[in-house]
Amino acid sequence: MSRDNIGEFEELVLLTVGVLYDDAYAVAITKEISEQSGRAVNVSAVHKSLYRLENKGMLKSRMGDPESKRGGKRKRLFNITPIGKKTLDESIELRNSLRNKIPDLAFKWDFI
């Protein structure tokens, strides 16, 4: 397991960057997480997570082209790095390993 652990929200952000691939910027990431998870997500929380993940080497960013409308701003676009992929792989592997160790008996409820 890598030394840089990530929380559930950072994992969601990292996964969503991968899903959006070449269109992964904060507002789009926020919208996608909200749509997929059904929970309210604050764009500033996404920004913080993006920069934390970038500082950990799991993401890289670049400035995109300006929007076509007059005075359009450039978007900061994010992509997963090999370290980010490795972290996701390890996270999924750990979750699956733990899930597979739960005995079937643990899911038999007599009280229902």
PDB file of N, CA and C in Angstrom:
ATOM      1  N   MET A   1       0.852  -1.184   0.000  1.00  0.00           N
ATOM      2  CA  MET A   1       0.000   0.000   0.000  1.00  0.00           C
ATOM      3  C   MET A   1       0.886   1.230   0.000  1.00  0.00           C
ATOM      4  N   SER A   2       0.522   2.220  -0.768  1.00  0.00           N
ATOM      5  CA  SER A   2       1.335   3.430  -0.827  1.00  0.00           C
ATOM      6  C   SER A   2       1.217   4.215   0.472  1.00  0.00           C
ATOM      7  N   ARG A   3       2.213   5.063   0.709  1.00  0.00           N
ATOM      8  CA  ARG A   3       2.247   5.829   1.950  1.00  0.00           C
ATOM      9  C   ARG A   3       1.243   6.975   1.940  1.00  0.00           C
ATOM     10  N   ASP A   4       0.865   7.446   0.771  1.00  0.00           N
ATOM     11  CA  ASP A   4      -0.103   8.534   0.689  1.00  0.00           C
ATOM     12  C   ASP A   4      -1.508   7.959   0.613  1.00  0.00           C
ATOM     13  N   ASN A   5      -2.176   7.959   1.741  1.00  0.00           N
ATOM     14  CA  ASN A   5      -3.550   7.473   1.771  1.00  0.00           C
ATOM     15  C   ASN A   5      -4.490   8.593   1.364  1.00  0.00           C
ATOM     16  N   ILE A   6      -5.622   8.206   0.824  1.00  0.00           N
ATOM     17  CA  ILE A   6      -6.622   9.194   0.453  1.00  0.00           C
ATOM     18  C   ILE A   6      -7.940   8.808   1.096  1.00  0.00           C
ATOM     19  N   GLY A   7      -8.759   9.814   1.358  1.00  0.00           N
ATOM     20  CA  GLY A   7     -10.077   9.588   1.923  1.00  0.00           C
ATOM     21  C   GLY A   7     -11.094   9.287   0.844  1.00  0.00           C
ATOM     22  N   GLU A   8     -12.308   9.031   1.289  1.00  0.00           N
ATOM     23  CA  GLU A   8     -13.368   8.669   0.349  1.00  0.00           C
ATOM     24  C   GLU A   8     -13.633   9.783  -0.664  1.00  0.00           C
ATOM     25  N   PHE A   9     -13.693  11.024  -0.203  1.00  0.00           N
ATOM     26  CA  PHE A   9     -13.987  12.120  -1.129  1.00  0.00           C
ATOM     27  C   PHE A   9     -12.855  12.303  -2.135  1.00  0.00           C
ATOM     28  N   GLU A  10     -11.611  12.220  -1.673  1.00  0.00           N
ATOM     29  CA  GLU A  10     -10.484  12.324  -2.611  1.00  0.00           C
ATOM     30  C   GLU A  10     -10.525  11.183  -3.626  1.00  0.00           C
ATOM     31  N   GLU A  11     -10.918  10.003  -3.169  1.00  0.00           N
ATOM     32  CA  GLU A  11     -11.041   8.871  -4.086  1.00  0.00           C
ATOM     33  C   GLU A  11     -12.124   9.151  -5.135  1.00  0.00           C
ATOM     34  N   LEU A  12     -13.251   9.718  -4.707  1.00  0.00           N
ATOM     35  CA  LEU A  12     -14.305  10.081  -5.661  1.00  0.00           C
ATOM     36  C   LEU A  12     -13.802  11.109  -6.677  1.00  0.00           C
ATOM     37  N   VAL A  13     -13.067  12.092  -6.202  1.00  0.00           N
ATOM     38  CA  VAL A  13     -12.522  13.114  -7.103  1.00  0.00           C
ATOM     39  C   VAL A  13     -11.555  12.472  -8.099  1.00  0.00           C
ATOM     40  N   LEU A  14     -10.668  11.627  -7.611  1.00  0.00           N
ATOM     41  CA  LEU A  14      -9.697  10.960  -8.469  1.00  0.00           C
ATOM     42  C   LEU A  14     -10.399  10.091  -9.514  1.00  0.00           C
ATOM     43  N   LEU A  15     -11.388   9.328  -9.090  1.00  0.00           N
ATOM     44  CA  LEU A  15     -12.151   8.499 -10.026  1.00  0.00           C
ATOM     45  C   LEU A  15     -12.865   9.361 -11.072  1.00  0.00           C
ATOM     46  N   THR A  16     -13.433  10.470 -10.633  1.00  0.00           N
ATOM     47  CA  THR A  16     -14.181  11.333 -11.540  1.00  0.00           C
ATOM     48  C   THR A  16     -13.261  12.020 -12.541  1.00  0.00           C
ATOM     49  N   VAL A  17     -12.063  12.365 -12.127  1.00  0.00           N
ATOM     50  CA  VAL A  17     -11.081  12.912 -13.081  1.00  0.00           C
ATOM     51  C   VAL A  17     -10.859  11.888 -14.192  1.00  0.00           C
ATOM     52  N   GLY A  18     -10.745  10.632 -13.827  1.00  0.00           N
ATOM     53  CA  GLY A  18     -10.574   9.584 -14.827  1.00  0.00           C
ATOM     54  C   GLY A  18     -11.781   9.447 -15.737  1.00  0.00           C
ATOM     55  N   VAL A  19     -12.968   9.520 -15.156  1.00  0.00           N
ATOM     56  CA  VAL A  19     -14.202   9.398 -15.944  1.00  0.00           C
ATOM     57  C   VAL A  19     -14.310  10.535 -16.956  1.00  0.00           C
ATOM     58  N   LEU A  20     -14.008  11.746 -16.517  1.00  0.00           N
ATOM     59  CA  LEU A  20     -14.132  12.914 -17.400  1.00  0.00           C
ATOM     60  C   LEU A  20     -12.945  13.071 -18.332  1.00  0.00           C
ATOM     61  N   TYR A  21     -11.885  12.364 -18.055  1.00  0.00           N
ATOM     62  CA  TYR A  21     -10.652  12.317 -18.827  1.00  0.00           C
ATOM     63  C   TYR A  21     -10.166  13.691 -19.258  1.00  0.00           C
ATOM     64  N   ASP A  22     -10.393  14.086 -20.484  1.00  0.00           N
ATOM     65  CA  ASP A  22      -9.799  15.323 -20.992  1.00  0.00           C
ATOM     66  C   ASP A  22     -10.676  16.551 -20.751  1.00  0.00           C
ATOM     67  N   ASP A  23     -11.767  16.389 -20.015  1.00  0.00           N
ATOM     68  CA  ASP A  23     -12.652  17.508 -19.698  1.00  0.00           C
ATOM     69  C   ASP A  23     -12.827  17.614 -18.182  1.00  0.00           C
ATOM     70  N   ALA A  24     -11.789  17.220 -17.437  1.00  0.00           N
ATOM     71  CA  ALA A  24     -11.869  17.195 -15.978  1.00  0.00           C
ATOM     72  C   ALA A  24     -11.390  18.516 -15.388  1.00  0.00           C
ATOM     73  N   TYR A  25     -12.344  19.388 -15.116  1.00  0.00           N
ATOM     74  CA  TYR A  25     -12.068  20.647 -14.419  1.00  0.00           C
ATOM     75  C   TYR A  25     -13.054  20.733 -13.257  1.00  0.00           C
ATOM     76  N   ALA A  26     -12.789  21.613 -12.308  1.00  0.00           N
ATOM     77  CA  ALA A  26     -13.494  21.597 -11.022  1.00  0.00           C
ATOM     78  C   ALA A  26     -15.019  21.592 -11.141  1.00  0.00           C
ATOM     79  N   VAL A  27     -15.572  22.454 -11.971  1.00  0.00           N
ATOM     80  CA  VAL A  27     -17.035  22.535 -12.069  1.00  0.00           C
ATOM     81  C   VAL A  27     -17.615  21.248 -12.656  1.00  0.00           C
ATOM     82  N   ALA A  28     -16.990  20.722 -13.689  1.00  0.00           N
ATOM     83  CA  ALA A  28     -17.474  19.475 -14.300  1.00  0.00           C
ATOM     84  C   ALA A  28     -17.347  18.309 -13.325  1.00  0.00           C
ATOM     85  N   ILE A  29     -16.262  18.278 -12.568  1.00  0.00           N
ATOM     86  CA  ILE A  29     -16.052  17.219 -11.576  1.00  0.00           C
ATOM     87  C   ILE A  29     -17.129  17.302 -10.498  1.00  0.00           C
ATOM     88  N   THR A  30     -17.399  18.508 -10.025  1.00  0.00           N
ATOM     89  CA  THR A  30     -18.431  18.723  -9.008  1.00  0.00           C
ATOM     90  C   THR A  30     -19.785  18.223  -9.492  1.00  0.00           C
ATOM     91  N   LYS A  31     -20.135  18.593 -10.713  1.00  0.00           N
ATOM     92  CA  LYS A  31     -21.420  18.182 -11.295  1.00  0.00           C
ATOM     93  C   LYS A  31     -21.508  16.664 -11.438  1.00  0.00           C
ATOM     94  N   GLU A  32     -20.439  16.051 -11.923  1.00  0.00           N
ATOM     95  CA  GLU A  32     -20.442  14.595 -12.128  1.00  0.00           C
ATOM     96  C   GLU A  32     -20.556  13.839 -10.807  1.00  0.00           C
ATOM     97  N   ILE A  33     -19.823  14.275  -9.794  1.00  0.00           N
ATOM     98  CA  ILE A  33     -19.916  13.610  -8.485  1.00  0.00           C
ATOM     99  C   ILE A  33     -21.328  13.747  -7.929  1.00  0.00           C
ATOM    100  N   SER A  34     -21.917  14.930  -8.043  1.00  0.00           N
ATOM    101  CA  SER A  34     -23.287  15.143  -7.561  1.00  0.00           C
ATOM    102  C   SER A  34     -24.271  14.229  -8.284  1.00  0.00           C
ATOM    103  N   GLU A  35     -24.145  14.146  -9.609  1.00  0.00           N
ATOM    104  CA  GLU A  35     -25.058  13.312 -10.393  1.00  0.00           C
ATOM    105  C   GLU A  35     -24.890  11.831 -10.068  1.00  0.00           C
ATOM    106  N   GLN A  36     -23.651  11.380  -9.940  1.00  0.00           N
ATOM    107  CA  GLN A  36     -23.398   9.961  -9.713  1.00  0.00           C
ATOM    108  C   GLN A  36     -23.696   9.523  -8.280  1.00  0.00           C
ATOM    109  N   SER A  37     -23.422  10.401  -7.312  1.00  0.00           N
ATOM    110  CA  SER A  37     -23.575  10.011  -5.907  1.00  0.00           C
ATOM    111  C   SER A  37     -24.908  10.436  -5.302  1.00  0.00           C
ATOM    112  N   GLY A  38     -25.569  11.410  -5.938  1.00  0.00           N
ATOM    113  CA  GLY A  38     -26.820  11.911  -5.392  1.00  0.00           C
ATOM    114  C   GLY A  38     -26.637  12.778  -4.156  1.00  0.00           C
ATOM    115  N   ARG A  39     -25.433  13.261  -3.944  1.00  0.00           N
ATOM    116  CA  ARG A  39     -25.198  14.122  -2.790  1.00  0.00           C
ATOM    117  C   ARG A  39     -24.704  15.491  -3.238  1.00  0.00           C
ATOM    118  N   ALA A  40     -24.992  16.476  -2.408  1.00  0.00           N
ATOM    119  CA  ALA A  40     -24.557  17.839  -2.716  1.00  0.00           C
ATOM    120  C   ALA A  40     -23.046  17.939  -2.544  1.00  0.00           C
ATOM    121  N   VAL A  41     -22.393  18.549  -3.510  1.00  0.00           N
ATOM    122  CA  VAL A  41     -20.941  18.690  -3.473  1.00  0.00           C
ATOM    123  C   VAL A  41     -20.602  20.156  -3.686  1.00  0.00           C
ATOM    124  N   ASN A  42     -19.702  20.665  -2.866  1.00  0.00           N
ATOM    125  CA  ASN A  42     -19.274  22.047  -2.934  1.00  0.00           C
ATOM    126  C   ASN A  42     -18.051  22.151  -3.835  1.00  0.00           C
ATOM    127  N   VAL A  43     -18.073  23.071  -4.803  1.00  0.00           N
ATOM    128  CA  VAL A  43     -16.964  23.212  -5.740  1.00  0.00           C
ATOM    129  C   VAL A  43     -15.662  23.562  -5.017  1.00  0.00           C
ATOM    130  N   SER A  44     -15.737  24.287  -3.914  1.00  0.00           N
ATOM    131  CA  SER A  44     -14.501  24.619  -3.194  1.00  0.00           C
ATOM    132  C   SER A  44     -13.887  23.378  -2.552  1.00  0.00           C
ATOM    133  N   ALA A  45     -14.720  22.433  -2.132  1.00  0.00           N
ATOM    134  CA  ALA A  45     -14.200  21.167  -1.598  1.00  0.00           C
ATOM    135  C   ALA A  45     -13.498  20.374  -2.697  1.00  0.00           C
ATOM    136  N   VAL A  46     -14.057  20.429  -3.902  1.00  0.00           N
ATOM    137  CA  VAL A  46     -13.431  19.757  -5.050  1.00  0.00           C
ATOM    138  C   VAL A  46     -12.092  20.422  -5.351  1.00  0.00           C
ATOM    139  N   HIS A  47     -12.060  21.751  -5.370  1.00  0.00           N
ATOM    140  CA  HIS A  47     -10.798  22.472  -5.602  1.00  0.00           C
ATOM    141  C   HIS A  47      -9.737  22.039  -4.596  1.00  0.00           C
ATOM    142  N   LYS A  48     -10.072  22.014  -3.326  1.00  0.00           N
ATOM    143  CA  LYS A  48      -9.111  21.626  -2.282  1.00  0.00           C
ATOM    144  C   LYS A  48      -8.594  20.220  -2.518  1.00  0.00           C
ATOM    145  N   SER A  49      -9.500  19.308  -2.842  1.00  0.00           N
ATOM    146  CA  SER A  49      -9.091  17.920  -3.088  1.00  0.00           C
ATOM    147  C   SER A  49      -8.202  17.807  -4.323  1.00  0.00           C
ATOM    148  N   LEU A  50      -8.550  18.537  -5.372  1.00  0.00           N
ATOM    149  CA  LEU A  50      -7.739  18.501  -6.587  1.00  0.00           C
ATOM    150  C   LEU A  50      -6.306  18.942  -6.300  1.00  0.00           C
ATOM    151  N   TYR A  51      -6.154  20.035  -5.558  1.00  0.00           N
ATOM    152  CA  TYR A  51      -4.812  20.540  -5.278  1.00  0.00           C
ATOM    153  C   TYR A  51      -4.063  19.624  -4.310  1.00  0.00           C
ATOM    154  N   ARG A  52      -4.778  19.017  -3.357  1.00  0.00           N
ATOM    155  CA  ARG A  52      -4.132  18.038  -2.465  1.00  0.00           C
ATOM    156  C   ARG A  52      -3.629  16.837  -3.265  1.00  0.00           C
ATOM    157  N   LEU A  53      -4.483  16.334  -4.148  1.00  0.00           N
ATOM    158  CA  LEU A  53      -4.097  15.182  -4.969  1.00  0.00           C
ATOM    159  C   LEU A  53      -2.950  15.535  -5.918  1.00  0.00           C
ATOM    160  N   GLU A  54      -2.950  16.756  -6.408  1.00  0.00           N
ATOM    161  CA  GLU A  54      -1.845  17.185  -7.267  1.00  0.00           C
ATOM    162  C   GLU A  54      -0.551  17.273  -6.455  1.00  0.00           C
ATOM    163  N   ASN A  55      -0.633  17.795  -5.241  1.00  0.00           N
ATOM    164  CA  ASN A  55       0.553  17.872  -4.374  1.00  0.00           C
ATOM    165  C   ASN A  55       1.088  16.492  -4.009  1.00  0.00           C
ATOM    166  N   LYS A  56       0.210  15.505  -3.938  1.00  0.00           N
ATOM    167  CA  LYS A  56       0.619  14.129  -3.644  1.00  0.00           C
ATOM    168  C   LYS A  56       1.147  13.417  -4.886  1.00  0.00           C
ATOM    169  N   GLY A  57       1.069  14.074  -6.044  1.00  0.00           N
ATOM    170  CA  GLY A  57       1.567  13.484  -7.286  1.00  0.00           C
ATOM    171  C   GLY A  57       0.579  12.572  -7.986  1.00  0.00           C
ATOM    172  N   MET A  58      -0.677  12.575  -7.552  1.00  0.00           N
ATOM    173  CA  MET A  58      -1.682  11.682  -8.125  1.00  0.00           C
ATOM    174  C   MET A  58      -2.405  12.298  -9.320  1.00  0.00           C
ATOM    175  N   LEU A  59      -2.315  13.610  -9.421  1.00  0.00           N
ATOM    176  CA  LEU A  59      -2.904  14.339 -10.548  1.00  0.00           C
ATOM    177  C   LEU A  59      -1.880  15.311 -11.097  1.00  0.00           C
ATOM    178  N   LYS A  60      -2.060  15.654 -12.355  1.00  0.00           N
ATOM    179  CA  LYS A  60      -1.298  16.763 -12.944  1.00  0.00           C
ATOM    180  C   LYS A  60      -2.327  17.685 -13.583  1.00  0.00           C
ATOM    181  N   SER A  61      -1.981  18.956 -13.702  1.00  0.00           N
ATOM    182  CA  SER A  61      -2.926  19.887 -14.295  1.00  0.00           C
ATOM    183  C   SER A  61      -2.251  20.712 -15.382  1.00  0.00           C
ATOM    184  N   ARG A  62      -3.089  21.278 -16.217  1.00  0.00           N
ATOM    185  CA  ARG A  62      -2.627  22.175 -17.267  1.00  0.00           C
ATOM    186  C   ARG A  62      -3.755  23.153 -17.551  1.00  0.00           C
ATOM    187  N   MET A  63      -3.403  24.274 -18.117  1.00  0.00           N
ATOM    188  CA  MET A  63      -4.416  25.262 -18.475  1.00  0.00           C
ATOM    189  C   MET A  63      -4.954  24.947 -19.868  1.00  0.00           C
ATOM    190  N   GLY A  64      -6.280  24.900 -19.968  1.00  0.00           N
ATOM    191  CA  GLY A  64      -6.920  24.658 -21.252  1.00  0.00           C
ATOM    192  C   GLY A  64      -7.034  25.940 -22.048  1.00  0.00           C
ATOM    193  N   ASP A  65      -7.645  25.852 -23.197  1.00  0.00           N
ATOM    194  CA  ASP A  65      -7.872  27.021 -24.044  1.00  0.00           C
ATOM    195  C   ASP A  65      -8.957  27.898 -23.429  1.00  0.00           C
ATOM    196  N   PRO A  66      -8.916  29.194 -23.727  1.00  0.00           N
ATOM    197  CA  PRO A  66      -9.982  30.078 -23.226  1.00  0.00           C
ATOM    198  C   PRO A  66     -11.328  29.670 -23.820  1.00  0.00           C
ATOM    199  N   GLU A  67     -12.397  29.911 -23.051  1.00  0.00           N
ATOM    200  CA  GLU A  67     -13.737  29.642 -23.574  1.00  0.00           C
ATOM    201  C   GLU A  67     -13.996  30.548 -24.760  1.00  0.00           C
ATOM    202  N   SER A  68     -14.880  30.137 -25.654  1.00  0.00           N
ATOM    203  CA  SER A  68     -15.124  30.885 -26.883  1.00  0.00           C
ATOM    204  C   SER A  68     -15.861  32.200 -26.654  1.00  0.00           C
ATOM    205  N   LYS A  69     -16.612  32.296 -25.547  1.00  0.00           N
ATOM    206  CA  LYS A  69     -17.333  33.559 -25.312  1.00  0.00           C
ATOM    207  C   LYS A  69     -16.344  34.683 -24.992  1.00  0.00           C
ATOM    208  N   ARG A  70     -16.741  35.878 -25.252  1.00  0.00           N
ATOM    209  CA  ARG A  70     -15.869  37.035 -25.059  1.00  0.00           C
ATOM    210  C   ARG A  70     -15.416  37.121 -23.600  1.00  0.00           C
ATOM    211  N   GLY A  71     -14.123  37.267 -23.403  1.00  0.00           N
ATOM    212  CA  GLY A  71     -13.585  37.345 -22.049  1.00  0.00           C
ATOM    213  C   GLY A  71     -13.549  36.002 -21.350  1.00  0.00           C
ATOM    214  N   GLY A  72     -13.674  34.943 -22.126  1.00  0.00           N
ATOM    215  CA  GLY A  72     -13.726  33.608 -21.545  1.00  0.00           C
ATOM    216  C   GLY A  72     -12.456  33.240 -20.796  1.00  0.00           C
ATOM    217  N   LYS A  73     -12.655  32.580 -19.677  1.00  0.00           N
ATOM    218  CA  LYS A  73     -11.515  32.161 -18.865  1.00  0.00           C
ATOM    219  C   LYS A  73     -10.977  30.820 -19.336  1.00  0.00           C
ATOM    220  N   ARG A  74      -9.733  30.593 -19.013  1.00  0.00           N
ATOM    221  CA  ARG A  74      -9.120  29.292 -19.274  1.00  0.00           C
ATOM    222  C   ARG A  74      -9.438  28.372 -18.093  1.00  0.00           C
ATOM    223  N   LYS A  75      -9.682  27.120 -18.381  1.00  0.00           N
ATOM    224  CA  LYS A  75      -9.979  26.137 -17.337  1.00  0.00           C
ATOM    225  C   LYS A  75      -8.704  25.382 -16.971  1.00  0.00           C
ATOM    226  N   ARG A  76      -8.552  25.070 -15.696  1.00  0.00           N
ATOM    227  CA  ARG A  76      -7.465  24.196 -15.260  1.00  0.00           C
ATOM    228  C   ARG A  76      -7.978  22.763 -15.371  1.00  0.00           C
ATOM    229  N   LEU A  77      -7.372  22.002 -16.271  1.00  0.00           N
ATOM    230  CA  LEU A  77      -7.774  20.626 -16.538  1.00  0.00           C
ATOM    231  C   LEU A  77      -6.838  19.664 -15.812  1.00  0.00           C
ATOM    232  N   PHE A  78      -7.405  18.583 -15.312  1.00  0.00           N
ATOM    233  CA  PHE A  78      -6.652  17.609 -14.526  1.00  0.00           C
ATOM    234  C   PHE A  78      -6.653  16.239 -15.189  1.00  0.00           C
ATOM    235  N   ASN A  79      -5.550  15.519 -15.010  1.00  0.00           N
ATOM    236  CA  ASN A  79      -5.417  14.140 -15.477  1.00  0.00           C
ATOM    237  C   ASN A  79      -4.755  13.306 -14.386  1.00  0.00           C
ATOM    238  N   ILE A  80      -5.073  12.026 -14.394  1.00  0.00           N
ATOM    239  CA  ILE A  80      -4.487  11.089 -13.428  1.00  0.00           C
ATOM    240  C   ILE A  80      -3.059  10.764 -13.841  1.00  0.00           C
ATOM    241  N   THR A  81      -2.174  10.697 -12.857  1.00  0.00           N
ATOM    242  CA  THR A  81      -0.787  10.288 -13.095  1.00  0.00           C
ATOM    243  C   THR A  81      -0.659   8.792 -12.802  1.00  0.00           C
ATOM    244  N   PRO A  82       0.479   8.192 -13.133  1.00  0.00           N
ATOM    245  CA  PRO A  82       0.692   6.783 -12.770  1.00  0.00           C
ATOM    246  C   PRO A  82       0.568   6.545 -11.257  1.00  0.00           C
ATOM    247  N   ILE A  83       0.994   7.499 -10.447  1.00  0.00           N
ATOM    248  CA  ILE A  83       0.848   7.354  -8.984  1.00  0.00           C
ATOM    249  C   ILE A  83      -0.634   7.343  -8.604  1.00  0.00           C
ATOM    250  N   GLY A  84      -1.422   8.191  -9.254  1.00  0.00           N
ATOM    251  CA  GLY A  84      -2.859   8.215  -8.999  1.00  0.00           C
ATOM    252  C   GLY A  84      -3.529   6.909  -9.379  1.00  0.00           C
ATOM    253  N   LYS A  85      -3.145   6.351 -10.523  1.00  0.00           N
ATOM    254  CA  LYS A  85      -3.705   5.058 -10.947  1.00  0.00           C
ATOM    255  C   LYS A  85      -3.330   3.973  -9.957  1.00  0.00           C
ATOM    256  N   LYS A  86      -2.070   3.965  -9.529  1.00  0.00           N
ATOM    257  CA  LYS A  86      -1.610   2.969  -8.566  1.00  0.00           C
ATOM    258  C   LYS A  86      -2.399   3.076  -7.256  1.00  0.00           C
ATOM    259  N   THR A  87      -2.635   4.302  -6.815  1.00  0.00           N
ATOM    260  CA  THR A  87      -3.397   4.524  -5.587  1.00  0.00           C
ATOM    261  C   THR A  87      -4.822   4.008  -5.734  1.00  0.00           C
ATOM    262  N   LEU A  88      -5.464   4.293  -6.869  1.00  0.00           N
ATOM    263  CA  LEU A  88      -6.819   3.780  -7.107  1.00  0.00           C
ATOM    264  C   LEU A  88      -6.838   2.258  -7.149  1.00  0.00           C
ATOM    265  N   ASP A  89      -5.875   1.671  -7.838  1.00  0.00           N
ATOM    266  CA  ASP A  89      -5.802   0.208  -7.919  1.00  0.00           C
ATOM    267  C   ASP A  89      -5.660  -0.406  -6.531  1.00  0.00           C
ATOM    268  N   GLU A  90      -4.785   0.179  -5.708  1.00  0.00           N
ATOM    269  CA  GLU A  90      -4.573  -0.344  -4.361  1.00  0.00           C
ATOM    270  C   GLU A  90      -5.814  -0.173  -3.495  1.00  0.00           C
ATOM    271  N   SER A  91      -6.498   0.938  -3.646  1.00  0.00           N
ATOM    272  CA  SER A  91      -7.704   1.200  -2.878  1.00  0.00           C
ATOM    273  C   SER A  91      -8.799   0.189  -3.225  1.00  0.00           C
ATOM    274  N   ILE A  92      -8.989  -0.035  -4.516  1.00  0.00           N
ATOM    275  CA  ILE A  92      -9.996  -0.994  -4.973  1.00  0.00           C
ATOM    276  C   ILE A  92      -9.627  -2.405  -4.518  1.00  0.00           C
ATOM    277  N   GLU A  93      -8.346  -2.733  -4.619  1.00  0.00           N
ATOM    278  CA  GLU A  93      -7.873  -4.052  -4.194  1.00  0.00           C
ATOM    279  C   GLU A  93      -8.127  -4.270  -2.696  1.00  0.00           C
ATOM    280  N   LEU A  94      -7.835  -3.266  -1.884  1.00  0.00           N
ATOM    281  CA  LEU A  94      -8.059  -3.375  -0.445  1.00  0.00           C
ATOM    282  C   LEU A  94      -9.538  -3.535  -0.129  1.00  0.00           C
ATOM    283  N   ARG A  95     -10.371  -2.718  -0.737  1.00  0.00           N
ATOM    284  CA  ARG A  95     -11.817  -2.814  -0.498  1.00  0.00           C
ATOM    285  C   ARG A  95     -12.348  -4.188  -0.899  1.00  0.00           C
ATOM    286  N   ASN A  96     -11.950  -4.667  -2.078  1.00  0.00           N
ATOM    287  CA  ASN A  96     -12.415  -5.980  -2.529  1.00  0.00           C
ATOM    288  C   ASN A  96     -11.904  -7.094  -1.629  1.00  0.00           C
ATOM    289  N   SER A  97     -10.658  -6.993  -1.199  1.00  0.00           N
ATOM    290  CA  SER A  97     -10.085  -8.007  -0.309  1.00  0.00           C
ATOM    291  C   SER A  97     -10.858  -8.081   1.000  1.00  0.00           C
ATOM    292  N   LEU A  98     -11.113  -6.924   1.591  1.00  0.00           N
ATOM    293  CA  LEU A  98     -11.869  -6.901   2.843  1.00  0.00           C
ATOM    294  C   LEU A  98     -13.293  -7.401   2.637  1.00  0.00           C
ATOM    295  N   ARG A  99     -13.938  -6.970   1.567  1.00  0.00           N
ATOM    296  CA  ARG A  99     -15.316  -7.403   1.283  1.00  0.00           C
ATOM    297  C   ARG A  99     -15.388  -8.903   1.099  1.00  0.00           C
ATOM    298  N   ASN A 100     -14.398  -9.476   0.424  1.00  0.00           N
ATOM    299  CA  ASN A 100     -14.396 -10.913   0.178  1.00  0.00           C
ATOM    300  C   ASN A 100     -14.130 -11.731   1.438  1.00  0.00           C
ATOM    301  N   LYS A 101     -13.594 -11.107   2.469  1.00  0.00           N
ATOM    302  CA  LYS A 101     -13.325 -11.804   3.730  1.00  0.00           C
ATOM    303  C   LYS A 101     -14.526 -11.833   4.673  1.00  0.00           C
ATOM    304  N   ILE A 102     -15.571 -11.098   4.339  1.00  0.00           N
ATOM    305  CA  ILE A 102     -16.764 -11.113   5.184  1.00  0.00           C
ATOM    306  C   ILE A 102     -17.480 -12.441   4.966  1.00  0.00           C
ATOM    307  N   PRO A 103     -17.673 -13.208   6.024  1.00  0.00           N
ATOM    308  CA  PRO A 103     -18.349 -14.501   5.841  1.00  0.00           C
ATOM    309  C   PRO A 103     -19.833 -14.294   5.512  1.00  0.00           C
ATOM    310  N   ASP A 104     -20.392 -15.210   4.723  1.00  0.00           N
ATOM    311  CA  ASP A 104     -21.805 -15.128   4.354  1.00  0.00           C
ATOM    312  C   ASP A 104     -22.688 -15.051   5.586  1.00  0.00           C
ATOM    313  N   LEU A 105     -22.260 -15.704   6.637  1.00  0.00           N
ATOM    314  CA  LEU A 105     -23.022 -15.713   7.883  1.00  0.00           C
ATOM    315  C   LEU A 105     -23.255 -14.298   8.412  1.00  0.00           C
ATOM    316  N   ALA A 106     -22.327 -13.398   8.148  1.00  0.00           N
ATOM    317  CA  ALA A 106     -22.452 -12.017   8.610  1.00  0.00           C
ATOM    318  C   ALA A 106     -23.614 -11.298   7.930  1.00  0.00           C
ATOM    319  N   PHE A 107     -24.101 -11.841   6.825  1.00  0.00           N
ATOM    320  CA  PHE A 107     -25.194 -11.225   6.102  1.00  0.00           C
ATOM    321  C   PHE A 107     -26.525 -11.956   6.291  1.00  0.00           C
ATOM    322  N   LYS A 108     -26.573 -12.825   7.259  1.00  0.00           N
ATOM    323  CA  LYS A 108     -27.821 -13.530   7.573  1.00  0.00           C
ATOM    324  C   LYS A 108     -28.377 -12.936   8.855  1.00  0.00           C
ATOM    325  N   TRP A 109     -29.461 -12.218   8.687  1.00  0.00           N
ATOM    326  CA  TRP A 109     -30.036 -11.517   9.822  1.00  0.00           C
ATOM    327  C   TRP A 109     -31.288 -12.247  10.293  1.00  0.00           C
ATOM    328  N   ASP A 110     -31.261 -12.660  11.527  1.00  0.00           N
ATOM    329  CA  ASP A 110     -32.418 -13.337  12.113  1.00  0.00           C
ATOM    330  C   ASP A 110     -33.446 -12.337  12.627  1.00  0.00           C
ATOM    331  N   PHE A 111     -33.051 -11.122  12.799  1.00  0.00           N
ATOM    332  CA  PHE A 111     -33.917 -10.128  13.416  1.00  0.00           C
ATOM    333  C   PHE A 111     -34.776  -9.363  12.414  1.00  0.00           C
ATOM    334  N   ILE A 112     -34.677  -9.694  11.150  1.00  0.00           N
ATOM    335  CA  ILE A 112     -35.463  -8.961  10.140  1.00  0.00           C
ATOM    336  C   ILE A 112     -36.782  -9.641   9.899  1.00  0.00           C
TER     337      ILE A 112
END
